[in-house]
Amino acid sequence: MRKAIAGLDEVLVVARVSKTVMPLRVLAEQVLSEQVVVFVLDSFALQAVLSSSLHQMWATTHGSTLETRVRYTPSDVFETFPRPYLTEASERALGAIGRTLDEERREIMLRRDLGLTALYNKVNDPALADSTDPDIARLRVIHRELDEAVMAAYGWDDVPLDHGFHTHRKMTRWTISPAARVEVLDRLLALNHERAAAQDRKGDPS
């Protein structure tokens, strides 16, 4: 791992077991715990994709769970997750919203002395109205815009996402609607199969 990240100033990490399944950008030079999954990547566009409801749903569906927490297994989640092929325009759009999420969230966490889990407990709390907490309201807006940008990168902006508080597998989140979840998971699975079949054809000597 040290060799792989040697050329990077920052890397993305996600906790192996968490409620948020949310990547964070950290300095590559520090000693990284074995309790985090390290991505040898520092792209804000990829950070947006991995911060999306699409990736969270894929992790919840294809990873294992521990009570209300998700166990993030790279071989079952990251390696099977069919990321969008990015055009110059979509990479620029995702990079912009990924940077916005990273910078504004970091500022809120530092100013309010909140860790990631504590922050997202607030984001995902239906009892916390937007009008009572502008910081949390802003994060919900950013996540809605981020999901929309990720869907556009796949070419799936025909799907109404209908963000709100929705419960799935005993977890209540500010996320896309159940109908959107079913549609998006179906499309991700179809894309996964399509790419696997293409890879098989490429490797077929006949």
N, C-alpha and C. Protein backbone atom coordinates (compact mmCIF):
# COMPACT_ATOMS: atom_id res chain seq x y z
N MET A 1 0.83 -1.20 0.00
CA MET A 1 0.00 0.00 0.00
C MET A 1 0.87 1.25 0.00
N ARG A 2 1.92 1.26 0.83
CA ARG A 2 2.80 2.43 0.90
C ARG A 2 3.41 2.74 -0.46
N LYS A 3 3.80 1.70 -1.16
CA LYS A 3 4.38 1.88 -2.50
C LYS A 3 3.33 2.45 -3.45
N ALA A 4 2.11 1.96 -3.34
CA ALA A 4 1.05 2.38 -4.26
C ALA A 4 0.67 3.84 -4.06
N ILE A 5 0.70 4.33 -2.82
CA ILE A 5 0.25 5.70 -2.55
C ILE A 5 1.41 6.69 -2.46
N ALA A 6 2.61 6.24 -2.76
CA ALA A 6 3.81 7.07 -2.58
C ALA A 6 3.74 8.38 -3.35
N GLY A 7 3.10 8.40 -4.51
CA GLY A 7 3.06 9.61 -5.32
C GLY A 7 1.89 10.52 -5.04
N LEU A 8 1.08 10.19 -4.03
CA LEU A 8 -0.12 10.97 -3.74
C LEU A 8 0.03 11.75 -2.44
N ASP A 9 -0.48 12.98 -2.43
CA ASP A 9 -0.50 13.77 -1.19
C ASP A 9 -1.69 13.37 -0.32
N GLU A 10 -2.80 12.99 -0.97
CA GLU A 10 -4.01 12.59 -0.26
C GLU A 10 -4.57 11.31 -0.86
N VAL A 11 -5.31 10.58 -0.05
CA VAL A 11 -6.02 9.39 -0.53
C VAL A 11 -7.44 9.43 0.02
N LEU A 12 -8.29 8.61 -0.56
CA LEU A 12 -9.64 8.44 -0.05
C LEU A 12 -9.70 7.19 0.82
N VAL A 13 -10.38 7.28 1.95
CA VAL A 13 -10.54 6.13 2.82
C VAL A 13 -12.01 6.00 3.21
N VAL A 14 -12.41 4.78 3.51
CA VAL A 14 -13.76 4.54 4.05
C VAL A 14 -13.61 3.51 5.16
N ALA A 15 -14.35 3.69 6.24
CA ALA A 15 -14.29 2.75 7.36
C ALA A 15 -14.78 1.37 6.92
N ARG A 16 -14.10 0.34 7.39
CA ARG A 16 -14.51 -1.02 7.03
C ARG A 16 -15.91 -1.33 7.55
N VAL A 17 -16.26 -0.80 8.72
CA VAL A 17 -17.60 -0.98 9.27
C VAL A 17 -18.13 0.39 9.67
N SER A 18 -19.25 0.80 9.09
CA SER A 18 -19.79 2.12 9.40
C SER A 18 -21.26 2.21 9.03
N LYS A 19 -21.92 3.24 9.56
CA LYS A 19 -23.30 3.53 9.18
C LYS A 19 -23.33 4.43 7.95
N THR A 20 -22.26 5.18 7.72
CA THR A 20 -22.30 6.21 6.68
C THR A 20 -21.87 5.72 5.31
N VAL A 21 -20.93 4.78 5.24
CA VAL A 21 -20.31 4.34 3.98
C VAL A 21 -19.90 5.57 3.17
N MET A 22 -19.16 6.45 3.84
CA MET A 22 -18.84 7.73 3.23
C MET A 22 -17.32 7.91 3.18
N PRO A 23 -16.74 8.08 1.99
CA PRO A 23 -15.29 8.26 1.91
C PRO A 23 -14.84 9.62 2.42
N LEU A 24 -13.65 9.65 2.98
CA LEU A 24 -13.03 10.87 3.44
C LEU A 24 -11.68 11.03 2.76
N ARG A 25 -11.29 12.25 2.56
CA ARG A 25 -9.98 12.58 1.99
C ARG A 25 -9.01 12.83 3.16
N VAL A 26 -7.89 12.08 3.19
CA VAL A 26 -6.93 12.23 4.28
C VAL A 26 -5.52 12.31 3.70
N LEU A 27 -4.59 12.80 4.51
CA LEU A 27 -3.19 12.88 4.08
C LEU A 27 -2.61 11.48 3.93
N ALA A 28 -1.91 11.27 2.83
CA ALA A 28 -1.35 9.94 2.56
C ALA A 28 -0.15 9.61 3.44
N GLU A 29 0.50 10.64 3.99
CA GLU A 29 1.73 10.40 4.73
C GLU A 29 1.51 9.86 6.14
N GLN A 30 0.28 9.92 6.65
CA GLN A 30 0.03 9.46 8.00
C GLN A 30 -0.06 7.93 8.07
N VAL A 31 0.02 7.39 9.28
CA VAL A 31 -0.15 5.95 9.47
C VAL A 31 -1.65 5.65 9.42
N LEU A 32 -2.05 4.83 8.47
CA LEU A 32 -3.47 4.55 8.25
C LEU A 32 -3.87 3.25 8.94
N SER A 33 -4.95 3.30 9.68
CA SER A 33 -5.42 2.15 10.42
C SER A 33 -5.87 1.03 9.48
N GLU A 34 -5.72 -0.21 9.95
CA GLU A 34 -6.21 -1.32 9.14
C GLU A 34 -7.74 -1.39 9.19
N GLN A 35 -8.37 -0.53 9.99
CA GLN A 35 -9.82 -0.48 10.05
C GLN A 35 -10.43 0.41 8.97
N VAL A 36 -9.61 0.92 8.07
CA VAL A 36 -10.12 1.68 6.94
C VAL A 36 -9.68 1.03 5.63
N VAL A 37 -10.52 1.14 4.63
CA VAL A 37 -10.19 0.73 3.28
C VAL A 37 -9.57 1.94 2.59
N VAL A 38 -8.41 1.77 1.99
CA VAL A 38 -7.69 2.87 1.35
C VAL A 38 -7.81 2.74 -0.16
N PHE A 39 -8.27 3.81 -0.80
CA PHE A 39 -8.35 3.85 -2.26
C PHE A 39 -7.13 4.63 -2.78
N VAL A 40 -6.41 4.04 -3.69
CA VAL A 40 -5.22 4.70 -4.24
C VAL A 40 -5.68 5.70 -5.29
N LEU A 41 -6.40 6.70 -4.82
CA LEU A 41 -7.05 7.67 -5.70
C LEU A 41 -7.18 8.99 -4.94
N ASP A 42 -7.10 10.10 -5.66
CA ASP A 42 -7.35 11.38 -5.02
C ASP A 42 -8.27 12.27 -5.85
N SER A 43 -9.01 11.64 -6.77
CA SER A 43 -9.90 12.36 -7.67
C SER A 43 -11.16 12.85 -6.95
N PHE A 44 -11.47 14.13 -7.10
CA PHE A 44 -12.71 14.65 -6.53
C PHE A 44 -13.92 14.07 -7.27
N ALA A 45 -13.76 13.76 -8.56
CA ALA A 45 -14.86 13.15 -9.31
C ALA A 45 -15.18 11.77 -8.75
N LEU A 46 -14.15 10.99 -8.48
CA LEU A 46 -14.39 9.67 -7.91
C LEU A 46 -14.93 9.78 -6.49
N GLN A 47 -14.46 10.79 -5.76
CA GLN A 47 -15.00 11.00 -4.42
C GLN A 47 -16.50 11.26 -4.49
N ALA A 48 -16.94 11.99 -5.49
CA ALA A 48 -18.37 12.24 -5.67
C ALA A 48 -19.12 10.94 -5.92
N VAL A 49 -18.59 10.11 -6.80
CA VAL A 49 -19.25 8.84 -7.12
C VAL A 49 -19.36 7.96 -5.88
N LEU A 50 -18.26 7.87 -5.12
CA LEU A 50 -18.25 7.01 -3.94
C LEU A 50 -19.05 7.60 -2.78
N SER A 51 -19.37 8.90 -2.86
CA SER A 51 -20.19 9.55 -1.83
C SER A 51 -21.67 9.54 -2.17
N SER A 52 -22.00 8.98 -3.31
CA SER A 52 -23.38 9.04 -3.80
C SER A 52 -24.27 7.99 -3.15
N SER A 53 -25.57 8.22 -3.24
CA SER A 53 -26.54 7.23 -2.78
C SER A 53 -26.42 5.94 -3.57
N LEU A 54 -25.99 6.02 -4.83
CA LEU A 54 -25.84 4.84 -5.66
C LEU A 54 -24.81 3.89 -5.06
N HIS A 55 -23.67 4.45 -4.69
CA HIS A 55 -22.61 3.62 -4.11
C HIS A 55 -23.02 3.12 -2.73
N GLN A 56 -23.68 3.95 -1.92
CA GLN A 56 -24.16 3.50 -0.61
C GLN A 56 -25.13 2.32 -0.74
N MET A 57 -26.06 2.41 -1.69
CA MET A 57 -27.02 1.34 -1.89
C MET A 57 -26.34 0.06 -2.35
N TRP A 58 -25.35 0.21 -3.24
CA TRP A 58 -24.61 -0.96 -3.73
C TRP A 58 -23.87 -1.62 -2.56
N ALA A 59 -23.26 -0.81 -1.70
CA ALA A 59 -22.53 -1.35 -0.55
C ALA A 59 -23.48 -2.05 0.41
N THR A 60 -24.65 -1.46 0.64
CA THR A 60 -25.62 -2.06 1.54
C THR A 60 -26.15 -3.38 0.99
N THR A 61 -26.30 -3.44 -0.33
CA THR A 61 -26.86 -4.63 -0.97
C THR A 61 -25.83 -5.74 -1.13
N HIS A 62 -24.60 -5.39 -1.47
CA HIS A 62 -23.60 -6.40 -1.82
C HIS A 62 -22.54 -6.61 -0.74
N GLY A 63 -22.47 -5.71 0.24
CA GLY A 63 -21.61 -5.95 1.38
C GLY A 63 -22.40 -6.68 2.45
N SER A 64 -21.75 -7.01 3.55
CA SER A 64 -22.47 -7.62 4.67
C SER A 64 -22.83 -6.53 5.66
N THR A 65 -23.73 -6.85 6.58
CA THR A 65 -24.15 -5.86 7.56
C THR A 65 -23.88 -6.37 8.97
N LEU A 66 -23.67 -5.45 9.87
CA LEU A 66 -23.47 -5.74 11.28
C LEU A 66 -24.41 -4.81 12.04
N GLU A 67 -25.55 -5.36 12.50
CA GLU A 67 -26.62 -4.55 13.08
C GLU A 67 -27.06 -3.53 12.02
N THR A 68 -26.93 -2.22 12.30
CA THR A 68 -27.32 -1.21 11.30
C THR A 68 -26.11 -0.66 10.55
N ARG A 69 -24.98 -1.32 10.70
CA ARG A 69 -23.77 -0.86 10.04
C ARG A 69 -23.42 -1.76 8.85
N VAL A 70 -22.72 -1.18 7.90
CA VAL A 70 -22.32 -1.90 6.70
C VAL A 70 -20.85 -2.29 6.81
N ARG A 71 -20.56 -3.52 6.49
CA ARG A 71 -19.17 -3.97 6.43
C ARG A 71 -18.70 -3.82 4.98
N TYR A 72 -17.77 -2.91 4.78
CA TYR A 72 -17.31 -2.60 3.42
C TYR A 72 -16.20 -3.56 3.02
N THR A 73 -16.54 -4.48 2.12
CA THR A 73 -15.58 -5.46 1.62
C THR A 73 -15.21 -5.07 0.19
N PRO A 74 -13.97 -4.65 -0.05
CA PRO A 74 -13.60 -4.16 -1.39
C PRO A 74 -13.92 -5.14 -2.51
N SER A 75 -13.68 -6.44 -2.29
CA SER A 75 -13.91 -7.42 -3.36
C SER A 75 -15.39 -7.55 -3.70
N ASP A 76 -16.25 -7.37 -2.71
CA ASP A 76 -17.69 -7.52 -2.95
C ASP A 76 -18.37 -6.20 -3.34
N VAL A 77 -17.77 -5.09 -2.93
CA VAL A 77 -18.42 -3.80 -3.15
C VAL A 77 -17.69 -2.98 -4.21
N PHE A 78 -16.49 -2.54 -3.92
CA PHE A 78 -15.80 -1.62 -4.83
C PHE A 78 -15.49 -2.29 -6.18
N GLU A 79 -15.00 -3.51 -6.14
CA GLU A 79 -14.59 -4.16 -7.39
C GLU A 79 -15.77 -4.54 -8.27
N THR A 80 -16.93 -4.70 -7.68
CA THR A 80 -18.12 -5.05 -8.49
C THR A 80 -18.95 -3.83 -8.86
N PHE A 81 -18.69 -2.69 -8.23
CA PHE A 81 -19.48 -1.49 -8.48
C PHE A 81 -19.10 -0.91 -9.85
N PRO A 82 -20.07 -0.85 -10.79
CA PRO A 82 -19.75 -0.37 -12.14
C PRO A 82 -19.75 1.16 -12.19
N ARG A 83 -18.58 1.73 -12.04
CA ARG A 83 -18.48 3.19 -12.05
C ARG A 83 -18.79 3.75 -13.44
N PRO A 84 -19.26 4.98 -13.54
CA PRO A 84 -19.57 5.56 -14.85
C PRO A 84 -18.30 5.85 -15.64
N TYR A 85 -18.38 5.67 -16.94
CA TYR A 85 -17.30 6.13 -17.81
C TYR A 85 -17.48 7.63 -17.98
N LEU A 86 -16.46 8.39 -17.64
CA LEU A 86 -16.62 9.84 -17.58
C LEU A 86 -16.15 10.53 -18.86
N THR A 87 -16.96 11.46 -19.33
CA THR A 87 -16.55 12.36 -20.38
C THR A 87 -15.82 13.53 -19.70
N GLU A 88 -15.24 14.39 -20.51
CA GLU A 88 -14.57 15.56 -19.94
C GLU A 88 -15.57 16.41 -19.16
N ALA A 89 -16.78 16.56 -19.72
CA ALA A 89 -17.80 17.39 -19.08
C ALA A 89 -18.29 16.76 -17.78
N SER A 90 -18.54 15.45 -17.78
CA SER A 90 -19.05 14.80 -16.57
C SER A 90 -17.99 14.74 -15.48
N GLU A 91 -16.73 14.57 -15.88
CA GLU A 91 -15.66 14.56 -14.88
C GLU A 91 -15.52 15.94 -14.24
N ARG A 92 -15.69 16.97 -15.04
CA ARG A 92 -15.62 18.34 -14.52
C ARG A 92 -16.77 18.60 -13.55
N ALA A 93 -17.98 18.17 -13.92
CA ALA A 93 -19.14 18.38 -13.07
C ALA A 93 -19.03 17.61 -11.76
N LEU A 94 -18.60 16.35 -11.86
CA LEU A 94 -18.45 15.54 -10.65
C LEU A 94 -17.31 16.06 -9.78
N GLY A 95 -16.23 16.50 -10.41
CA GLY A 95 -15.12 17.05 -9.65
C GLY A 95 -15.54 18.28 -8.86
N ALA A 96 -16.37 19.11 -9.47
CA ALA A 96 -16.82 20.33 -8.80
C ALA A 96 -17.68 20.02 -7.58
N ILE A 97 -18.66 19.09 -7.74
CA ILE A 97 -19.54 18.79 -6.61
C ILE A 97 -18.81 17.96 -5.56
N GLY A 98 -17.86 17.13 -5.98
CA GLY A 98 -17.05 16.38 -5.03
C GLY A 98 -16.20 17.30 -4.17
N ARG A 99 -15.63 18.32 -4.79
CA ARG A 99 -14.83 19.29 -4.04
C ARG A 99 -15.72 20.12 -3.10
N THR A 100 -16.90 20.50 -3.58
CA THR A 100 -17.82 21.25 -2.74
C THR A 100 -18.18 20.46 -1.49
N LEU A 101 -18.53 19.18 -1.67
CA LEU A 101 -18.86 18.35 -0.52
C LEU A 101 -17.69 18.27 0.44
N ASP A 102 -16.51 18.00 -0.08
CA ASP A 102 -15.33 17.83 0.77
C ASP A 102 -15.03 19.10 1.56
N GLU A 103 -15.00 20.23 0.88
CA GLU A 103 -14.60 21.48 1.53
C GLU A 103 -15.65 21.99 2.50
N GLU A 104 -16.91 21.99 2.10
CA GLU A 104 -17.95 22.52 2.99
C GLU A 104 -18.19 21.59 4.17
N ARG A 105 -18.15 20.31 3.95
CA ARG A 105 -18.33 19.35 5.05
C ARG A 105 -17.18 19.45 6.05
N ARG A 106 -15.97 19.58 5.55
CA ARG A 106 -14.80 19.71 6.43
C ARG A 106 -14.93 20.96 7.32
N GLU A 107 -15.37 22.06 6.71
CA GLU A 107 -15.52 23.30 7.46
C GLU A 107 -16.57 23.15 8.56
N ILE A 108 -17.68 22.50 8.25
CA ILE A 108 -18.72 22.29 9.26
C ILE A 108 -18.23 21.39 10.38
N MET A 109 -17.54 20.32 10.03
CA MET A 109 -17.04 19.39 11.04
C MET A 109 -16.05 20.06 11.98
N LEU A 110 -15.16 20.87 11.43
CA LEU A 110 -14.17 21.56 12.26
C LEU A 110 -14.83 22.62 13.14
N ARG A 111 -15.72 23.40 12.54
CA ARG A 111 -16.35 24.49 13.28
C ARG A 111 -17.23 23.97 14.42
N ARG A 112 -17.89 22.85 14.18
CA ARG A 112 -18.83 22.33 15.18
C ARG A 112 -18.26 21.15 15.98
N ASP A 113 -17.00 20.82 15.69
CA ASP A 113 -16.33 19.73 16.40
C ASP A 113 -17.14 18.44 16.32
N LEU A 114 -17.48 18.06 15.07
CA LEU A 114 -18.27 16.86 14.83
C LEU A 114 -17.46 15.86 14.02
N GLY A 115 -17.55 14.59 14.40
CA GLY A 115 -16.99 13.53 13.58
C GLY A 115 -17.94 13.19 12.45
N LEU A 116 -17.49 12.33 11.56
CA LEU A 116 -18.30 12.01 10.38
C LEU A 116 -19.62 11.34 10.77
N THR A 117 -19.57 10.37 11.67
CA THR A 117 -20.80 9.67 12.06
C THR A 117 -21.77 10.61 12.74
N ALA A 118 -21.27 11.43 13.65
CA ALA A 118 -22.14 12.38 14.35
C ALA A 118 -22.79 13.36 13.38
N LEU A 119 -22.01 13.79 12.38
CA LEU A 119 -22.55 14.72 11.40
C LEU A 119 -23.67 14.07 10.59
N TYR A 120 -23.44 12.84 10.12
CA TYR A 120 -24.45 12.21 9.28
C TYR A 120 -25.63 11.69 10.09
N ASN A 121 -25.45 11.49 11.38
CA ASN A 121 -26.61 11.21 12.22
C ASN A 121 -27.58 12.39 12.16
N LYS A 122 -27.04 13.59 12.09
CA LYS A 122 -27.88 14.79 11.97
C LYS A 122 -28.49 14.90 10.57
N VAL A 123 -27.68 14.67 9.55
CA VAL A 123 -28.18 14.73 8.17
C VAL A 123 -29.35 13.76 7.98
N ASN A 124 -29.24 12.58 8.61
CA ASN A 124 -30.24 11.52 8.41
C ASN A 124 -31.34 11.52 9.46
N ASP A 125 -31.41 12.57 10.26
CA ASP A 125 -32.42 12.66 11.32
C ASP A 125 -33.66 13.38 10.82
N PRO A 126 -34.78 12.67 10.64
CA PRO A 126 -36.01 13.33 10.15
C PRO A 126 -36.54 14.39 11.10
N ALA A 127 -36.16 14.31 12.38
CA ALA A 127 -36.66 15.28 13.36
C ALA A 127 -35.90 16.61 13.28
N LEU A 128 -34.80 16.63 12.54
CA LEU A 128 -34.00 17.85 12.43
C LEU A 128 -34.39 18.57 11.13
N ALA A 129 -35.22 19.58 11.28
CA ALA A 129 -35.73 20.31 10.11
C ALA A 129 -34.66 21.21 9.51
N ASP A 130 -34.74 21.41 8.21
CA ASP A 130 -33.80 22.29 7.52
C ASP A 130 -33.80 23.69 8.14
N SER A 131 -34.97 24.14 8.55
CA SER A 131 -35.09 25.51 9.06
C SER A 131 -34.38 25.71 10.39
N THR A 132 -34.12 24.62 11.11
CA THR A 132 -33.48 24.75 12.42
C THR A 132 -31.97 24.59 12.36
N ASP A 133 -31.45 24.09 11.25
CA ASP A 133 -30.00 23.88 11.15
C ASP A 133 -29.54 24.12 9.72
N PRO A 134 -29.11 25.33 9.39
CA PRO A 134 -28.70 25.66 8.02
C PRO A 134 -27.53 24.81 7.51
N ASP A 135 -26.62 24.41 8.40
CA ASP A 135 -25.49 23.57 7.97
C ASP A 135 -25.98 22.22 7.46
N ILE A 136 -26.87 21.61 8.20
CA ILE A 136 -27.40 20.30 7.80
C ILE A 136 -28.26 20.43 6.55
N ALA A 137 -29.04 21.52 6.48
CA ALA A 137 -29.84 21.77 5.28
C ALA A 137 -28.94 21.87 4.06
N ARG A 138 -27.82 22.56 4.20
CA ARG A 138 -26.88 22.72 3.09
C ARG A 138 -26.29 21.38 2.67
N LEU A 139 -25.94 20.53 3.63
CA LEU A 139 -25.39 19.22 3.28
C LEU A 139 -26.41 18.37 2.54
N ARG A 140 -27.67 18.46 2.93
CA ARG A 140 -28.70 17.70 2.22
C ARG A 140 -28.82 18.18 0.78
N VAL A 141 -28.73 19.48 0.57
CA VAL A 141 -28.78 20.03 -0.79
C VAL A 141 -27.58 19.53 -1.60
N ILE A 142 -26.40 19.56 -1.00
CA ILE A 142 -25.19 19.10 -1.70
C ILE A 142 -25.34 17.64 -2.11
N HIS A 143 -25.85 16.81 -1.21
CA HIS A 143 -25.99 15.39 -1.54
C HIS A 143 -27.04 15.16 -2.62
N ARG A 144 -28.09 15.97 -2.63
CA ARG A 144 -29.07 15.84 -3.71
C ARG A 144 -28.43 16.22 -5.05
N GLU A 145 -27.69 17.33 -5.07
CA GLU A 145 -27.02 17.76 -6.30
C GLU A 145 -25.96 16.76 -6.73
N LEU A 146 -25.27 16.18 -5.76
CA LEU A 146 -24.24 15.18 -6.08
C LEU A 146 -24.88 13.95 -6.71
N ASP A 147 -25.96 13.45 -6.14
CA ASP A 147 -26.65 12.29 -6.72
C ASP A 147 -27.13 12.58 -8.14
N GLU A 148 -27.64 13.77 -8.34
CA GLU A 148 -28.11 14.15 -9.68
C GLU A 148 -26.96 14.19 -10.67
N ALA A 149 -25.80 14.68 -10.24
CA ALA A 149 -24.63 14.73 -11.12
C ALA A 149 -24.12 13.34 -11.44
N VAL A 150 -24.15 12.45 -10.46
CA VAL A 150 -23.70 11.06 -10.70
C VAL A 150 -24.67 10.37 -11.65
N MET A 151 -25.96 10.55 -11.45
CA MET A 151 -26.94 9.94 -12.37
C MET A 151 -26.74 10.45 -13.79
N ALA A 152 -26.46 11.74 -13.93
CA ALA A 152 -26.22 12.32 -15.26
C ALA A 152 -24.98 11.71 -15.90
N ALA A 153 -23.97 11.41 -15.09
CA ALA A 153 -22.74 10.81 -15.62
C ALA A 153 -23.00 9.42 -16.20
N TYR A 154 -23.96 8.71 -15.61
CA TYR A 154 -24.36 7.41 -16.16
C TYR A 154 -25.29 7.55 -17.37
N GLY A 155 -25.86 8.74 -17.55
CA GLY A 155 -26.87 8.93 -18.57
C GLY A 155 -28.25 8.51 -18.10
N TRP A 156 -28.44 8.54 -16.79
CA TRP A 156 -29.69 8.07 -16.19
C TRP A 156 -30.49 9.20 -15.57
N ASP A 157 -30.37 10.39 -16.09
CA ASP A 157 -31.08 11.50 -15.47
C ASP A 157 -32.57 11.51 -15.81
N ASP A 158 -33.07 10.40 -16.39
CA ASP A 158 -34.51 10.25 -16.61
C ASP A 158 -35.21 9.69 -15.38
N VAL A 159 -34.44 9.28 -14.37
CA VAL A 159 -35.02 8.66 -13.17
C VAL A 159 -35.31 9.73 -12.11
N PRO A 160 -36.57 9.92 -11.70
CA PRO A 160 -36.86 10.87 -10.60
C PRO A 160 -36.29 10.31 -9.29
N LEU A 161 -35.44 11.08 -8.62
CA LEU A 161 -34.79 10.58 -7.42
C LEU A 161 -35.62 10.82 -6.16
N ASP A 162 -36.39 11.90 -6.12
CA ASP A 162 -37.32 12.16 -5.01
C ASP A 162 -36.65 11.99 -3.64
N HIS A 163 -35.61 12.79 -3.41
CA HIS A 163 -34.90 12.72 -2.14
C HIS A 163 -35.81 13.03 -0.95
N GLY A 164 -35.54 12.34 0.13
CA GLY A 164 -36.27 12.55 1.38
C GLY A 164 -35.74 11.58 2.41
N PHE A 165 -36.48 11.43 3.50
CA PHE A 165 -36.08 10.48 4.54
C PHE A 165 -36.74 9.14 4.25
N HIS A 166 -35.94 8.15 3.97
CA HIS A 166 -36.45 6.84 3.60
C HIS A 166 -35.72 5.77 4.41
N THR A 167 -36.45 4.74 4.79
CA THR A 167 -35.90 3.67 5.61
C THR A 167 -35.72 2.41 4.78
N HIS A 168 -34.54 1.82 4.90
CA HIS A 168 -34.22 0.57 4.19
C HIS A 168 -33.31 -0.24 5.10
N ARG A 169 -33.70 -1.49 5.34
CA ARG A 169 -32.93 -2.38 6.22
C ARG A 169 -32.65 -1.73 7.58
N LYS A 170 -33.69 -1.17 8.15
CA LYS A 170 -33.66 -0.55 9.49
C LYS A 170 -32.79 0.70 9.56
N MET A 171 -32.37 1.23 8.41
CA MET A 171 -31.57 2.45 8.40
C MET A 171 -32.35 3.57 7.73
N THR A 172 -32.56 4.66 8.45
CA THR A 172 -33.22 5.83 7.88
C THR A 172 -32.16 6.82 7.42
N ARG A 173 -32.26 7.24 6.16
CA ARG A 173 -31.27 8.15 5.58
C ARG A 173 -31.98 9.24 4.79
N TRP A 174 -31.26 10.35 4.61
CA TRP A 174 -31.64 11.34 3.61
C TRP A 174 -31.10 10.80 2.29
N THR A 175 -31.97 10.27 1.46
CA THR A 175 -31.52 9.56 0.28
C THR A 175 -32.61 9.54 -0.76
N ILE A 176 -32.41 8.77 -1.81
CA ILE A 176 -33.39 8.70 -2.88
C ILE A 176 -34.55 7.79 -2.47
N SER A 177 -35.65 7.90 -3.17
CA SER A 177 -36.87 7.20 -2.80
C SER A 177 -36.74 5.69 -3.03
N PRO A 178 -37.60 4.88 -2.40
CA PRO A 178 -37.58 3.43 -2.63
C PRO A 178 -37.74 3.06 -4.10
N ALA A 179 -38.63 3.75 -4.81
CA ALA A 179 -38.82 3.45 -6.24
C ALA A 179 -37.55 3.74 -7.03
N ALA A 180 -36.91 4.86 -6.73
CA ALA A 180 -35.65 5.19 -7.40
C ALA A 180 -34.57 4.18 -7.04
N ARG A 181 -34.54 3.75 -5.77
CA ARG A 181 -33.54 2.77 -5.34
C ARG A 181 -33.65 1.48 -6.15
N VAL A 182 -34.86 0.98 -6.31
CA VAL A 182 -35.07 -0.26 -7.06
C VAL A 182 -34.61 -0.08 -8.51
N GLU A 183 -34.99 1.02 -9.13
CA GLU A 183 -34.62 1.28 -10.52
C GLU A 183 -33.11 1.40 -10.67
N VAL A 184 -32.48 2.15 -9.78
CA VAL A 184 -31.04 2.37 -9.88
C VAL A 184 -30.27 1.07 -9.64
N LEU A 185 -30.67 0.29 -8.65
CA LEU A 185 -29.99 -0.97 -8.39
C LEU A 185 -30.14 -1.93 -9.56
N ASP A 186 -31.31 -1.94 -10.18
CA ASP A 186 -31.51 -2.78 -11.37
C ASP A 186 -30.57 -2.36 -12.49
N ARG A 187 -30.43 -1.06 -12.69
CA ARG A 187 -29.56 -0.57 -13.76
C ARG A 187 -28.09 -0.83 -13.46
N LEU A 188 -27.71 -0.66 -12.20
CA LEU A 188 -26.32 -0.94 -11.83
C LEU A 188 -25.99 -2.42 -12.02
N LEU A 189 -26.91 -3.30 -11.63
CA LEU A 189 -26.68 -4.73 -11.78
C LEU A 189 -26.60 -5.11 -13.26
N ALA A 190 -27.48 -4.54 -14.08
CA ALA A 190 -27.44 -4.81 -15.52
C ALA A 190 -26.11 -4.33 -16.12
N LEU A 191 -25.64 -3.17 -15.67
CA LEU A 191 -24.37 -2.64 -16.16
C LEU A 191 -23.21 -3.51 -15.71
N ASN A 192 -23.27 -4.00 -14.48
CA ASN A 192 -22.25 -4.91 -13.97
C ASN A 192 -22.17 -6.16 -14.85
N HIS A 193 -23.33 -6.75 -15.17
CA HIS A 193 -23.37 -7.95 -16.00
C HIS A 193 -22.87 -7.66 -17.41
N GLU A 194 -23.25 -6.53 -17.94
CA GLU A 194 -22.84 -6.14 -19.29
C GLU A 194 -21.32 -6.01 -19.38
N ARG A 195 -20.73 -5.38 -18.39
CA ARG A 195 -19.27 -5.20 -18.41
C ARG A 195 -18.54 -6.52 -18.18
N ALA A 196 -19.10 -7.37 -17.31
CA ALA A 196 -18.48 -8.68 -17.08
C ALA A 196 -18.51 -9.52 -18.35
N ALA A 197 -19.64 -9.46 -19.08
CA ALA A 197 -19.74 -10.21 -20.33
C ALA A 197 -18.76 -9.68 -21.37
N ALA A 198 -18.61 -8.36 -21.43
CA ALA A 198 -17.65 -7.76 -22.37
C ALA A 198 -16.23 -8.17 -22.02
N GLN A 199 -15.92 -8.24 -20.73
CA GLN A 199 -14.59 -8.64 -20.30
C GLN A 199 -14.35 -10.11 -20.65
N ASP A 200 -15.37 -10.94 -20.50
CA ASP A 200 -15.25 -12.36 -20.87
C ASP A 200 -14.98 -12.51 -22.36
N ARG A 201 -15.70 -11.72 -23.18
CA ARG A 201 -15.51 -11.79 -24.62
C ARG A 201 -14.11 -11.35 -25.00
N LYS A 202 -13.60 -10.34 -24.32
CA LYS A 202 -12.26 -9.85 -24.60
C LYS A 202 -11.22 -10.93 -24.29
N GLY A 203 -11.49 -11.72 -23.25
CA GLY A 203 -10.52 -12.74 -22.85
C GLY A 203 -10.69 -14.05 -23.58
N ASP A 204 -11.73 -14.16 -24.43
CA ASP A 204 -11.98 -15.41 -25.16
C ASP A 204 -11.02 -15.52 -26.34
N PRO A 205 -10.14 -16.53 -26.35
CA PRO A 205 -9.16 -16.66 -27.45
C PRO A 205 -9.78 -16.97 -28.79
N SER A 206 -11.04 -17.46 -28.78
CA SER A 206 -11.70 -17.75 -30.06
C SER A 206 -12.20 -16.47 -30.69
